[in-house]
Amino acid sequence: MSALRRPQAAWRSRSRPAGLPSRQHKREGQPCYTHERATFSASGQLTRSTLEIRNLSVAVIGAGDYIGAAIARKFAGEGFTVFVGRRNGDKLAPLISEIQNLGGRIFGRALDARKEDDISAFLQEAEHRDPLEVCIFNVGANVNFSLTETTERVFRKVWEMACYSGFLAGREAARLMLPRRRGCIFFTGATASLRGAVGYAAFASAKFGLRAVAQSAAKELGPENIHVAHLVIDAGVDTAWVRDRIREREGEAALKNLDPGRLMHPVSVAETYWQLYQQPRDAWTFEQEIRPFGEKW
C-alpha cells in the first residue's frame, strides 16, 4: 500500500483578519489553526483565502473526475487531509497535483472498493494520518441493458460495485468512528435509488440496496453520534459521459443548445455534502434529494 507524498505547506501561517468572526464547528474539541487556503471560485476553480486547518481526514471512495474530484477539492479547501481512491489510481494524478500545488493535503491510491482488504487499508491509512471524520462513498456503476440482455455477470458486478462495496465502506468507517463517537458516513444515491426504469434492473436494484444499507446504518449509528446520510442525485450530472450520451441520442445541436437547467454541476454536489457535514446534530438529514431547477419530477 503506497500513498502519494504530502508536500510541506508552502504558505506562511496567518491569523484571521480583524473583524471576521471565527466559524464554530458543529462538534466541540476540534483542534484547528488558521492558514491560507485553497477555496472555490464561482466557476469551481480553486483560489486562495484564509482557512482553519482541521487535523481531520476525509476519505472519498470513488474519486472520479467529476463528483469525486469536486468533493476532494471542497474538503481540501476547508482544511481537511483528503484521501482519494479509485480503481485506476493513475487517473488521480492531475487532481492530486492540482490540490498539492495550492498547498492542500491529499493522498491518493488505486482502490478496488469491492475488496474488503483494500477498503480497510485505505480507511486505516486515512485514520493513521488524521482521525477519520468523513467517509463519502461515491462509486457509480450506472449501466443500461434490457432485462433479457442483462447477464448474470453484469448484474452481479453492478451489485458488487454499487451496493456491496458501499456496505464495506460504511462498516469499516463505522469501526473507526465508533470508539470516538463522532464522524459522518455519506452515500451517493441516484434517481434509481428510489424507482426502477426500463433497462435499469441491475443498477436500480443495487442502488435500492445501497439505500437500505445507509438507512439501516443511520438508525444504528445515529445514537452513537455518527451522522449517516444518503444523497439522491435526481438528475444527470454535467460530465463528459453524460454529454456524450446526449450527443448520441439527440445530436450535436441539442448539446450546443443545452438548457442550463438540465444538468447538475459536480461542484453543487460537493457543496451539498459540505452542507450535510455542517448540520447540527439536533437537525440531521438522513436523505436529501437534489435536482436542477428545470428537472421534471
C-alpha atoms as a PDB file:
ATOM      1  CA  MET A   1       0.000   0.000   0.000  1.00  0.00           C
ATOM      2  CA  SER A   2       1.634   3.190  -1.142  1.00  0.00           C
ATOM      3  CA  ALA A   3       0.468   6.735  -0.595  1.00  0.00           C
ATOM      4  CA  LEU A   4       1.384   9.800  -2.540  1.00  0.00           C
ATOM      5  CA  ARG A   5       3.636  12.108  -0.573  1.00  0.00           C
ATOM      6  CA  ARG A   6       2.158  15.211   1.011  1.00  0.00           C
ATOM      7  CA  PRO A   7       4.235  18.347   0.424  1.00  0.00           C
ATOM      8  CA  GLN A   8       5.091  20.722   3.220  1.00  0.00           C
ATOM      9  CA  ALA A   9       2.718  23.690   3.429  1.00  0.00           C
ATOM     10  CA  ALA A  10       4.032  26.372   1.127  1.00  0.00           C
ATOM     11  CA  TRP A  11       2.313  29.276   2.854  1.00  0.00           C
ATOM     12  CA  ARG A  12       3.081  31.329   5.911  1.00  0.00           C
ATOM     13  CA  SER A  13       0.722  30.810   8.804  1.00  0.00           C
ATOM     14  CA  ARG A  14      -1.509  33.815   9.311  1.00  0.00           C
ATOM     15  CA  SER A  15      -4.181  34.824  11.758  1.00  0.00           C
ATOM     16  CA  ARG A  16      -7.757  35.596  10.828  1.00  0.00           C
ATOM     17  CA  PRO A  17      -8.213  39.185   9.608  1.00  0.00           C
ATOM     18  CA  ALA A  18      -9.609  41.536  12.249  1.00  0.00           C
ATOM     19  CA  GLY A  19     -13.369  41.839  12.274  1.00  0.00           C
ATOM     20  CA  LEU A  20     -14.094  38.409  10.788  1.00  0.00           C
ATOM     21  CA  PRO A  21     -15.841  36.066  13.216  1.00  0.00           C
ATOM     22  CA  SER A  22     -14.338  32.633  13.643  1.00  0.00           C
ATOM     23  CA  ARG A  23     -16.512  29.766  12.464  1.00  0.00           C
ATOM     24  CA  GLN A  24     -17.805  27.470  15.181  1.00  0.00           C
ATOM     25  CA  HIS A  25     -17.570  23.872  14.097  1.00  0.00           C
ATOM     26  CA  LYS A  26     -20.570  21.670  14.805  1.00  0.00           C
ATOM     27  CA  ARG A  27     -18.572  19.382  17.112  1.00  0.00           C
ATOM     28  CA  GLU A  28     -16.659  20.545  20.145  1.00  0.00           C
ATOM     29  CA  GLY A  29     -12.987  19.897  20.740  1.00  0.00           C
ATOM     30  CA  GLN A  30     -11.713  20.039  17.167  1.00  0.00           C
ATOM     31  CA  PRO A  31      -8.127  21.342  17.022  1.00  0.00           C
ATOM     32  CA  CYS A  32      -7.500  23.840  14.248  1.00  0.00           C
ATOM     33  CA  TYR A  33      -5.284  26.732  13.208  1.00  0.00           C
ATOM     34  CA  THR A  34      -5.584  29.464  10.608  1.00  0.00           C
ATOM     35  CA  HIS A  35      -3.787  29.155   7.313  1.00  0.00           C
ATOM     36  CA  GLU A  36      -4.080  30.488   3.780  1.00  0.00           C
ATOM     37  CA  ARG A  37      -6.268  28.118   1.855  1.00  0.00           C
ATOM     38  CA  ALA A  38      -7.461  26.918  -1.495  1.00  0.00           C
ATOM     39  CA  THR A  39     -11.167  27.540  -1.962  1.00  0.00           C
ATOM     40  CA  PHE A  40     -13.737  27.572  -4.754  1.00  0.00           C
ATOM     41  CA  SER A  41     -14.426  30.453  -7.084  1.00  0.00           C
ATOM     42  CA  ALA A  42     -17.876  30.718  -8.665  1.00  0.00           C
ATOM     43  CA  SER A  43     -16.655  28.594 -11.585  1.00  0.00           C
ATOM     44  CA  GLY A  44     -15.479  25.795  -9.332  1.00  0.00           C
ATOM     45  CA  GLN A  45     -11.780  26.574  -9.653  1.00  0.00           C
ATOM     46  CA  LEU A  46      -9.532  26.727  -6.617  1.00  0.00           C
ATOM     47  CA  THR A  47      -8.277  30.074  -5.350  1.00  0.00           C
ATOM     48  CA  ARG A  48      -6.595  31.245  -2.136  1.00  0.00           C
ATOM     49  CA  SER A  49      -8.065  32.714   1.046  1.00  0.00           C
ATOM     50  CA  THR A  50      -7.841  32.094   4.812  1.00  0.00           C
ATOM     51  CA  LEU A  51      -8.714  28.765   6.447  1.00  0.00           C
ATOM     52  CA  GLU A  52      -8.959  26.951   9.723  1.00  0.00           C
ATOM     53  CA  ILE A  53      -6.843  23.846   9.135  1.00  0.00           C
ATOM     54  CA  ARG A  54      -8.541  20.824  10.667  1.00  0.00           C
ATOM     55  CA  ASN A  55      -6.485  17.925  11.987  1.00  0.00           C
ATOM     56  CA  LEU A  56      -9.056  15.560  10.499  1.00  0.00           C
ATOM     57  CA  SER A  57      -9.307  13.446   7.367  1.00  0.00           C
ATOM     58  CA  VAL A  58     -11.963  12.784   4.757  1.00  0.00           C
ATOM     59  CA  ALA A  59     -11.961   9.654   2.575  1.00  0.00           C
ATOM     60  CA  VAL A  60     -13.586   9.716  -0.867  1.00  0.00           C
ATOM     61  CA  ILE A  61     -14.237   6.252  -2.255  1.00  0.00           C
ATOM     62  CA  GLY A  62     -14.932   6.531  -5.958  1.00  0.00           C
ATOM     63  CA  ALA A  63     -12.975   9.726  -6.615  1.00  0.00           C
ATOM     64  CA  GLY A  64     -13.731  10.088 -10.302  1.00  0.00           C
ATOM     65  CA  ASP A  65     -13.015  13.118 -12.454  1.00  0.00           C
ATOM     66  CA  TYR A  66     -16.249  14.923 -11.652  1.00  0.00           C
ATOM     67  CA  ILE A  67     -18.246  14.442  -8.431  1.00  0.00           C
ATOM     68  CA  GLY A  68     -15.431  12.717  -6.529  1.00  0.00           C
ATOM     69  CA  ALA A  69     -12.875  15.301  -7.615  1.00  0.00           C
ATOM     70  CA  ALA A  70     -15.207  18.166  -6.663  1.00  0.00           C
ATOM     71  CA  ILE A  71     -15.704  16.663  -3.203  1.00  0.00           C
ATOM     72  CA  ALA A  72     -11.932  16.354  -2.765  1.00  0.00           C
ATOM     73  CA  ARG A  73     -11.386  19.983  -3.777  1.00  0.00           C
ATOM     74  CA  LYS A  74     -14.115  21.223  -1.454  1.00  0.00           C
ATOM     75  CA  PHE A  75     -12.896  19.410   1.651  1.00  0.00           C
ATOM     76  CA  ALA A  76      -9.246  20.165   0.899  1.00  0.00           C
ATOM     77  CA  GLY A  77     -10.229  23.810   0.588  1.00  0.00           C
ATOM     78  CA  GLU A  78     -11.893  23.568   4.002  1.00  0.00           C
ATOM     79  CA  GLY A  79      -8.707  22.329   5.645  1.00  0.00           C
ATOM     80  CA  PHE A  80      -9.117  18.560   5.702  1.00  0.00           C
ATOM     81  CA  THR A  81      -6.493  15.977   4.879  1.00  0.00           C
ATOM     82  CA  VAL A  82      -8.071  14.287   1.855  1.00  0.00           C
ATOM     83  CA  PHE A  83      -7.709  10.640   0.865  1.00  0.00           C
ATOM     84  CA  VAL A  84      -8.971   9.725  -2.594  1.00  0.00           C
ATOM     85  CA  GLY A  85      -9.321   6.266  -4.096  1.00  0.00           C
ATOM     86  CA  ARG A  86     -10.476   4.907  -7.432  1.00  0.00           C
ATOM     87  CA  ARG A  87      -9.986   1.766  -9.486  1.00  0.00           C
ATOM     88  CA  ASN A  88      -7.312   3.312 -11.721  1.00  0.00           C
ATOM     89  CA  GLY A  89      -5.046   5.187  -9.323  1.00  0.00           C
ATOM     90  CA  ASP A  90      -3.002   6.749 -12.132  1.00  0.00           C
ATOM     91  CA  LYS A  91      -6.014   8.878 -13.068  1.00  0.00           C
ATOM     92  CA  LEU A  92      -5.801  10.620  -9.705  1.00  0.00           C
ATOM     93  CA  ALA A  93      -2.510  12.327 -10.591  1.00  0.00           C
ATOM     94  CA  PRO A  94      -3.982  15.566 -12.070  1.00  0.00           C
ATOM     95  CA  LEU A  95      -6.313  16.066  -9.094  1.00  0.00           C
ATOM     96  CA  ILE A  96      -3.552  15.413  -6.571  1.00  0.00           C
ATOM     97  CA  SER A  97      -1.170  17.743  -8.365  1.00  0.00           C
ATOM     98  CA  GLU A  98      -3.799  20.494  -8.524  1.00  0.00           C
ATOM     99  CA  ILE A  99      -4.556  20.357  -4.797  1.00  0.00           C
ATOM    100  CA  GLN A 100      -0.935  19.939  -3.749  1.00  0.00           C
ATOM    101  CA  ASN A 101       0.163  22.903  -5.866  1.00  0.00           C
ATOM    102  CA  LEU A 102      -2.180  25.058  -3.813  1.00  0.00           C
ATOM    103  CA  GLY A 103      -0.827  23.673  -0.555  1.00  0.00           C
ATOM    104  CA  GLY A 104      -3.679  21.254   0.073  1.00  0.00           C
ATOM    105  CA  ARG A 105      -3.139  17.987   1.899  1.00  0.00           C
ATOM    106  CA  ILE A 106      -4.086  14.987  -0.250  1.00  0.00           C
ATOM    107  CA  PHE A 107      -3.139  11.340  -0.693  1.00  0.00           C
ATOM    108  CA  GLY A 108      -4.324   9.016  -3.440  1.00  0.00           C
ATOM    109  CA  ARG A 109      -4.179   5.344  -4.252  1.00  0.00           C
ATOM    110  CA  ALA A 110      -5.604   2.688  -6.525  1.00  0.00           C
ATOM    111  CA  LEU A 111      -8.601   1.120  -4.835  1.00  0.00           C
ATOM    112  CA  ASP A 112     -10.930  -1.741  -5.698  1.00  0.00           C
ATOM    113  CA  ALA A 113     -13.887  -0.917  -3.477  1.00  0.00           C
ATOM    114  CA  ARG A 114     -15.235  -4.463  -3.831  1.00  0.00           C
ATOM    115  CA  LYS A 115     -12.261  -5.882  -1.934  1.00  0.00           C
ATOM    116  CA  GLU A 116     -12.552  -5.880   1.832  1.00  0.00           C
ATOM    117  CA  ASP A 117      -8.799  -5.626   2.429  1.00  0.00           C
ATOM    118  CA  ASP A 118      -8.485  -2.658   0.053  1.00  0.00           C
ATOM    119  CA  ILE A 119     -11.250  -0.699   1.774  1.00  0.00           C
ATOM    120  CA  SER A 120      -9.936  -1.484   5.241  1.00  0.00           C
ATOM    121  CA  ALA A 121      -6.357  -0.488   4.354  1.00  0.00           C
ATOM    122  CA  PHE A 122      -7.497   2.713   2.629  1.00  0.00           C
ATOM    123  CA  LEU A 123      -9.549   3.926   5.595  1.00  0.00           C
ATOM    124  CA  GLN A 124      -6.903   2.834   8.098  1.00  0.00           C
ATOM    125  CA  GLU A 125      -4.370   4.901   6.177  1.00  0.00           C
ATOM    126  CA  ALA A 126      -6.599   7.962   6.495  1.00  0.00           C
ATOM    127  CA  GLU A 127      -7.184   7.277  10.184  1.00  0.00           C
ATOM    128  CA  HIS A 128      -3.476   6.970  10.897  1.00  0.00           C
ATOM    129  CA  ARG A 129      -2.694  10.292   9.209  1.00  0.00           C
ATOM    130  CA  ASP A 130      -5.508  12.271  10.863  1.00  0.00           C
ATOM    131  CA  PRO A 131      -8.666  10.960  12.586  1.00  0.00           C
ATOM    132  CA  LEU A 132     -11.253   9.925  10.003  1.00  0.00           C
ATOM    133  CA  GLU A 133     -14.040  12.485  10.248  1.00  0.00           C
ATOM    134  CA  VAL A 134     -15.915  11.916   6.977  1.00  0.00           C
ATOM    135  CA  CYS A 135     -16.236   8.933   4.633  1.00  0.00           C
ATOM    136  CA  ILE A 136     -18.035   9.522   1.334  1.00  0.00           C
ATOM    137  CA  PHE A 137     -18.962   6.541  -0.814  1.00  0.00           C
ATOM    138  CA  ASN A 138     -19.305   7.706  -4.411  1.00  0.00           C
ATOM    139  CA  VAL A 139     -18.940   4.628  -6.621  1.00  0.00           C
ATOM    140  CA  GLY A 140     -21.163   4.780  -9.710  1.00  0.00           C
ATOM    141  CA  ALA A 141     -21.788   1.617 -11.803  1.00  0.00           C
ATOM    142  CA  ASN A 142     -24.600   3.080 -13.923  1.00  0.00           C
ATOM    143  CA  VAL A 143     -25.431   0.719 -16.783  1.00  0.00           C
ATOM    144  CA  ASN A 144     -28.461   0.245 -19.021  1.00  0.00           C
ATOM    145  CA  PHE A 145     -29.442  -3.120 -20.500  1.00  0.00           C
ATOM    146  CA  SER A 146     -32.831  -4.596 -21.276  1.00  0.00           C
ATOM    147  CA  LEU A 147     -33.894  -7.280 -18.829  1.00  0.00           C
ATOM    148  CA  THR A 148     -33.280 -10.099 -21.332  1.00  0.00           C
ATOM    149  CA  GLU A 149     -29.845  -8.745 -22.210  1.00  0.00           C
ATOM    150  CA  THR A 150     -28.692  -8.302 -18.597  1.00  0.00           C
ATOM    151  CA  THR A 151     -26.219 -11.108 -17.996  1.00  0.00           C
ATOM    152  CA  GLU A 152     -25.576 -12.710 -14.645  1.00  0.00           C
ATOM    153  CA  ARG A 153     -22.091 -11.233 -14.703  1.00  0.00           C
ATOM    154  CA  VAL A 154     -23.370  -7.680 -15.315  1.00  0.00           C
ATOM    155  CA  PHE A 155     -25.998  -7.921 -12.588  1.00  0.00           C
ATOM    156  CA  ARG A 156     -23.539  -9.313 -10.041  1.00  0.00           C
ATOM    157  CA  LYS A 157     -20.784  -6.826 -10.916  1.00  0.00           C
ATOM    158  CA  VAL A 158     -23.112  -3.827 -10.657  1.00  0.00           C
ATOM    159  CA  TRP A 159     -24.365  -5.068  -7.274  1.00  0.00           C
ATOM    160  CA  GLU A 160     -20.788  -5.527  -6.074  1.00  0.00           C
ATOM    161  CA  MET A 161     -19.811  -2.015  -7.150  1.00  0.00           C
ATOM    162  CA  ALA A 162     -22.885  -0.029  -6.155  1.00  0.00           C
ATOM    163  CA  CYS A 163     -24.139  -1.924  -3.096  1.00  0.00           C
ATOM    164  CA  TYR A 164     -21.700  -4.439  -1.623  1.00  0.00           C
ATOM    165  CA  SER A 165     -18.755  -2.039  -1.746  1.00  0.00           C
ATOM    166  CA  GLY A 166     -20.915   0.597  -0.038  1.00  0.00           C
ATOM    167  CA  PHE A 167     -21.593  -1.844   2.774  1.00  0.00           C
ATOM    168  CA  LEU A 168     -17.854  -2.464   3.156  1.00  0.00           C
ATOM    169  CA  ALA A 169     -17.090   1.257   3.189  1.00  0.00           C
ATOM    170  CA  GLY A 170     -19.786   2.029   5.738  1.00  0.00           C
ATOM    171  CA  ARG A 171     -18.844  -0.833   8.018  1.00  0.00           C
ATOM    172  CA  GLU A 172     -15.121  -0.086   8.024  1.00  0.00           C
ATOM    173  CA  ALA A 173     -15.698   3.646   8.555  1.00  0.00           C
ATOM    174  CA  ALA A 174     -18.047   2.886  11.459  1.00  0.00           C
ATOM    175  CA  ARG A 175     -15.439   0.659  13.100  1.00  0.00           C
ATOM    176  CA  LEU A 176     -13.027   3.591  13.146  1.00  0.00           C
ATOM    177  CA  MET A 177     -15.558   6.215  14.237  1.00  0.00           C
ATOM    178  CA  LEU A 178     -17.418   4.341  16.962  1.00  0.00           C
ATOM    179  CA  PRO A 179     -14.632   4.437  19.578  1.00  0.00           C
ATOM    180  CA  ARG A 180     -14.618   8.265  19.292  1.00  0.00           C
ATOM    181  CA  ARG A 181     -18.397   8.523  18.938  1.00  0.00           C
ATOM    182  CA  ARG A 182     -18.122  11.047  16.121  1.00  0.00           C
ATOM    183  CA  GLY A 183     -17.980  11.110  12.353  1.00  0.00           C
ATOM    184  CA  CYS A 184     -20.019  11.229   9.155  1.00  0.00           C
ATOM    185  CA  ILE A 185     -20.679   8.498   6.588  1.00  0.00           C
ATOM    186  CA  PHE A 186     -22.306   9.693   3.377  1.00  0.00           C
ATOM    187  CA  PHE A 187     -23.521   7.687   0.373  1.00  0.00           C
ATOM    188  CA  THR A 188     -24.156   8.970  -3.153  1.00  0.00           C
ATOM    189  CA  GLY A 189     -27.515   7.819  -4.454  1.00  0.00           C
ATOM    190  CA  ALA A 190     -29.382   8.358  -7.715  1.00  0.00           C
ATOM    191  CA  THR A 191     -32.864   8.501  -9.173  1.00  0.00           C
ATOM    192  CA  ALA A 192     -32.557   4.712  -9.408  1.00  0.00           C
ATOM    193  CA  SER A 193     -32.273   4.561  -5.601  1.00  0.00           C
ATOM    194  CA  LEU A 194     -35.994   5.369  -5.426  1.00  0.00           C
ATOM    195  CA  ARG A 195     -37.528   3.869  -8.541  1.00  0.00           C
ATOM    196  CA  GLY A 196     -36.699   1.435 -11.286  1.00  0.00           C
ATOM    197  CA  ALA A 197     -36.940   2.156 -15.008  1.00  0.00           C
ATOM    198  CA  VAL A 198     -36.670   0.374 -18.335  1.00  0.00           C
ATOM    199  CA  GLY A 199     -33.159  -1.041 -18.704  1.00  0.00           C
ATOM    200  CA  TYR A 200     -32.128  -0.419 -15.115  1.00  0.00           C
ATOM    201  CA  ALA A 201     -32.871  -3.736 -13.384  1.00  0.00           C
ATOM    202  CA  ALA A 202     -29.223  -4.170 -12.359  1.00  0.00           C
ATOM    203  CA  PHE A 203     -28.448  -0.566 -11.443  1.00  0.00           C
ATOM    204  CA  ALA A 204     -31.717   0.193  -9.638  1.00  0.00           C
ATOM    205  CA  SER A 205     -31.643  -2.986  -7.578  1.00  0.00           C
ATOM    206  CA  ALA A 206     -28.087  -2.200  -6.457  1.00  0.00           C
ATOM    207  CA  LYS A 207     -28.995   1.401  -5.630  1.00  0.00           C
ATOM    208  CA  PHE A 208     -32.098   0.263  -3.738  1.00  0.00           C
ATOM    209  CA  GLY A 209     -29.811  -1.999  -1.737  1.00  0.00           C
ATOM    210  CA  LEU A 210     -27.311   0.786  -1.016  1.00  0.00           C
ATOM    211  CA  ARG A 211     -30.135   2.982   0.247  1.00  0.00           C
ATOM    212  CA  ALA A 212     -31.226   0.208   2.603  1.00  0.00           C
ATOM    213  CA  VAL A 213     -27.660  -0.189   3.874  1.00  0.00           C
ATOM    214  CA  ALA A 214     -27.474   3.557   4.501  1.00  0.00           C
ATOM    215  CA  GLN A 215     -30.848   3.699   6.239  1.00  0.00           C
ATOM    216  CA  SER A 216     -30.045   0.766   8.480  1.00  0.00           C
ATOM    217  CA  ALA A 217     -26.657   2.280   9.325  1.00  0.00           C
ATOM    218  CA  ALA A 218     -28.233   5.663  10.101  1.00  0.00           C
ATOM    219  CA  LYS A 219     -30.646   4.135  12.598  1.00  0.00           C
ATOM    220  CA  GLU A 220     -27.867   2.154  14.273  1.00  0.00           C
ATOM    221  CA  LEU A 221     -25.136   4.782  14.300  1.00  0.00           C
ATOM    222  CA  GLY A 222     -27.121   7.975  14.834  1.00  0.00           C
ATOM    223  CA  PRO A 223     -27.492   7.367  18.598  1.00  0.00           C
ATOM    224  CA  GLU A 224     -23.694   6.928  18.668  1.00  0.00           C
ATOM    225  CA  ASN A 225     -23.213  10.482  17.327  1.00  0.00           C
ATOM    226  CA  ILE A 226     -22.307   9.321  13.806  1.00  0.00           C
ATOM    227  CA  HIS A 227     -24.205  11.089  11.040  1.00  0.00           C
ATOM    228  CA  VAL A 228     -25.168   8.799   8.145  1.00  0.00           C
ATOM    229  CA  ALA A 229     -26.807  10.380   5.101  1.00  0.00           C
ATOM    230  CA  HIS A 230     -27.926   9.281   1.630  1.00  0.00           C
ATOM    231  CA  LEU A 231     -27.783  11.947  -1.088  1.00  0.00           C
ATOM    232  CA  VAL A 232     -30.125  11.295  -4.028  1.00  0.00           C
ATOM    233  CA  ILE A 233     -28.941  12.989  -7.220  1.00  0.00           C
ATOM    234  CA  ASP A 234     -32.146  13.140  -9.251  1.00  0.00           C
ATOM    235  CA  ALA A 235     -30.651  14.416 -12.495  1.00  0.00           C
ATOM    236  CA  GLY A 236     -27.886  13.951 -14.973  1.00  0.00           C
ATOM    237  CA  VAL A 237     -24.570  15.350 -13.771  1.00  0.00           C
ATOM    238  CA  ASP A 238     -22.525  17.504 -16.119  1.00  0.00           C
ATOM    239  CA  THR A 239     -19.819  15.020 -17.108  1.00  0.00           C
ATOM    240  CA  ALA A 240     -18.187  14.047 -20.375  1.00  0.00           C
ATOM    241  CA  TRP A 241     -20.026  10.692 -20.323  1.00  0.00           C
ATOM    242  CA  VAL A 242     -23.443  12.330 -19.921  1.00  0.00           C
ATOM    243  CA  ARG A 243     -22.709  14.866 -22.648  1.00  0.00           C
ATOM    244  CA  ASP A 244     -21.645  12.059 -24.974  1.00  0.00           C
ATOM    245  CA  ARG A 245     -24.959  10.268 -24.329  1.00  0.00           C
ATOM    246  CA  ILE A 246     -26.893  13.449 -25.131  1.00  0.00           C
ATOM    247  CA  ARG A 247     -24.916  13.859 -28.355  1.00  0.00           C
ATOM    248  CA  GLU A 248     -25.595  10.235 -29.370  1.00  0.00           C
ATOM    249  CA  ARG A 249     -29.324  10.374 -28.657  1.00  0.00           C
ATOM    250  CA  GLU A 250     -30.239  13.947 -29.567  1.00  0.00           C
ATOM    251  CA  GLY A 251     -27.483  15.188 -31.859  1.00  0.00           C
ATOM    252  CA  GLU A 252     -24.776  17.829 -31.717  1.00  0.00           C
ATOM    253  CA  ALA A 253     -27.272  20.692 -31.963  1.00  0.00           C
ATOM    254  CA  ALA A 254     -29.026  19.570 -28.785  1.00  0.00           C
ATOM    255  CA  LEU A 255     -25.737  19.552 -26.952  1.00  0.00           C
ATOM    256  CA  LYS A 256     -24.787  23.035 -28.156  1.00  0.00           C
ATOM    257  CA  ASN A 257     -28.179  24.402 -27.109  1.00  0.00           C
ATOM    258  CA  LEU A 258     -28.348  22.549 -23.801  1.00  0.00           C
ATOM    259  CA  ASP A 259     -30.803  24.034 -21.321  1.00  0.00           C
ATOM    260  CA  PRO A 260     -28.794  25.370 -18.347  1.00  0.00           C
ATOM    261  CA  GLY A 261     -31.326  23.778 -16.001  1.00  0.00           C
ATOM    262  CA  ARG A 262     -30.850  20.275 -17.363  1.00  0.00           C
ATOM    263  CA  LEU A 263     -27.545  19.084 -15.846  1.00  0.00           C
ATOM    264  CA  MET A 264     -26.155  19.384 -12.328  1.00  0.00           C
ATOM    265  CA  HIS A 265     -22.635  20.719 -11.840  1.00  0.00           C
ATOM    266  CA  PRO A 266     -20.342  18.464  -9.755  1.00  0.00           C
ATOM    267  CA  VAL A 267     -19.397  21.451  -7.578  1.00  0.00           C
ATOM    268  CA  SER A 268     -23.045  21.689  -6.494  1.00  0.00           C
ATOM    269  CA  VAL A 269     -22.927  18.091  -5.275  1.00  0.00           C
ATOM    270  CA  ALA A 270     -19.754  18.797  -3.323  1.00  0.00           C
ATOM    271  CA  GLU A 271     -21.336  21.865  -1.728  1.00  0.00           C
ATOM    272  CA  THR A 272     -24.340  19.760  -0.684  1.00  0.00           C
ATOM    273  CA  TYR A 273     -22.065  17.246   1.018  1.00  0.00           C
ATOM    274  CA  TRP A 274     -20.358  20.111   2.834  1.00  0.00           C
ATOM    275  CA  GLN A 275     -23.758  21.399   3.991  1.00  0.00           C
ATOM    276  CA  LEU A 276     -24.659  17.927   5.272  1.00  0.00           C
ATOM    277  CA  TYR A 277     -21.394  17.807   7.174  1.00  0.00           C
ATOM    278  CA  GLN A 278     -22.107  21.151   8.837  1.00  0.00           C
ATOM    279  CA  GLN A 279     -25.572  20.202  10.098  1.00  0.00           C
ATOM    280  CA  PRO A 280     -26.034  20.447  13.877  1.00  0.00           C
ATOM    281  CA  ARG A 281     -26.786  17.081  15.430  1.00  0.00           C
ATOM    282  CA  ASP A 282     -30.237  18.157  16.593  1.00  0.00           C
ATOM    283  CA  ALA A 283     -31.245  18.540  12.925  1.00  0.00           C
ATOM    284  CA  TRP A 284     -29.503  15.810  10.930  1.00  0.00           C
ATOM    285  CA  THR A 285     -30.784  14.885   7.481  1.00  0.00           C
ATOM    286  CA  PHE A 286     -30.784  11.229   6.544  1.00  0.00           C
ATOM    287  CA  GLU A 287     -31.967  11.506   2.945  1.00  0.00           C
ATOM    288  CA  GLN A 288     -31.751  14.551   0.708  1.00  0.00           C
ATOM    289  CA  GLU A 289     -32.830  14.817  -2.920  1.00  0.00           C
ATOM    290  CA  ILE A 290     -31.184  17.392  -5.172  1.00  0.00           C
ATOM    291  CA  ARG A 291     -32.033  18.296  -8.770  1.00  0.00           C
ATOM    292  CA  PRO A 292     -31.584  21.262 -11.140  1.00  0.00           C
ATOM    293  CA  PHE A 293     -34.391  23.807 -11.170  1.00  0.00           C
ATOM    294  CA  GLY A 294     -35.502  22.672 -14.623  1.00  0.00           C
ATOM    295  CA  GLU A 295     -35.652  18.955 -13.832  1.00  0.00           C
ATOM    296  CA  LYS A 296     -39.114  17.361 -14.157  1.00  0.00           C
ATOM    297  CA  TRP A 297     -40.053  15.014 -11.318  1.00  0.00           C
END
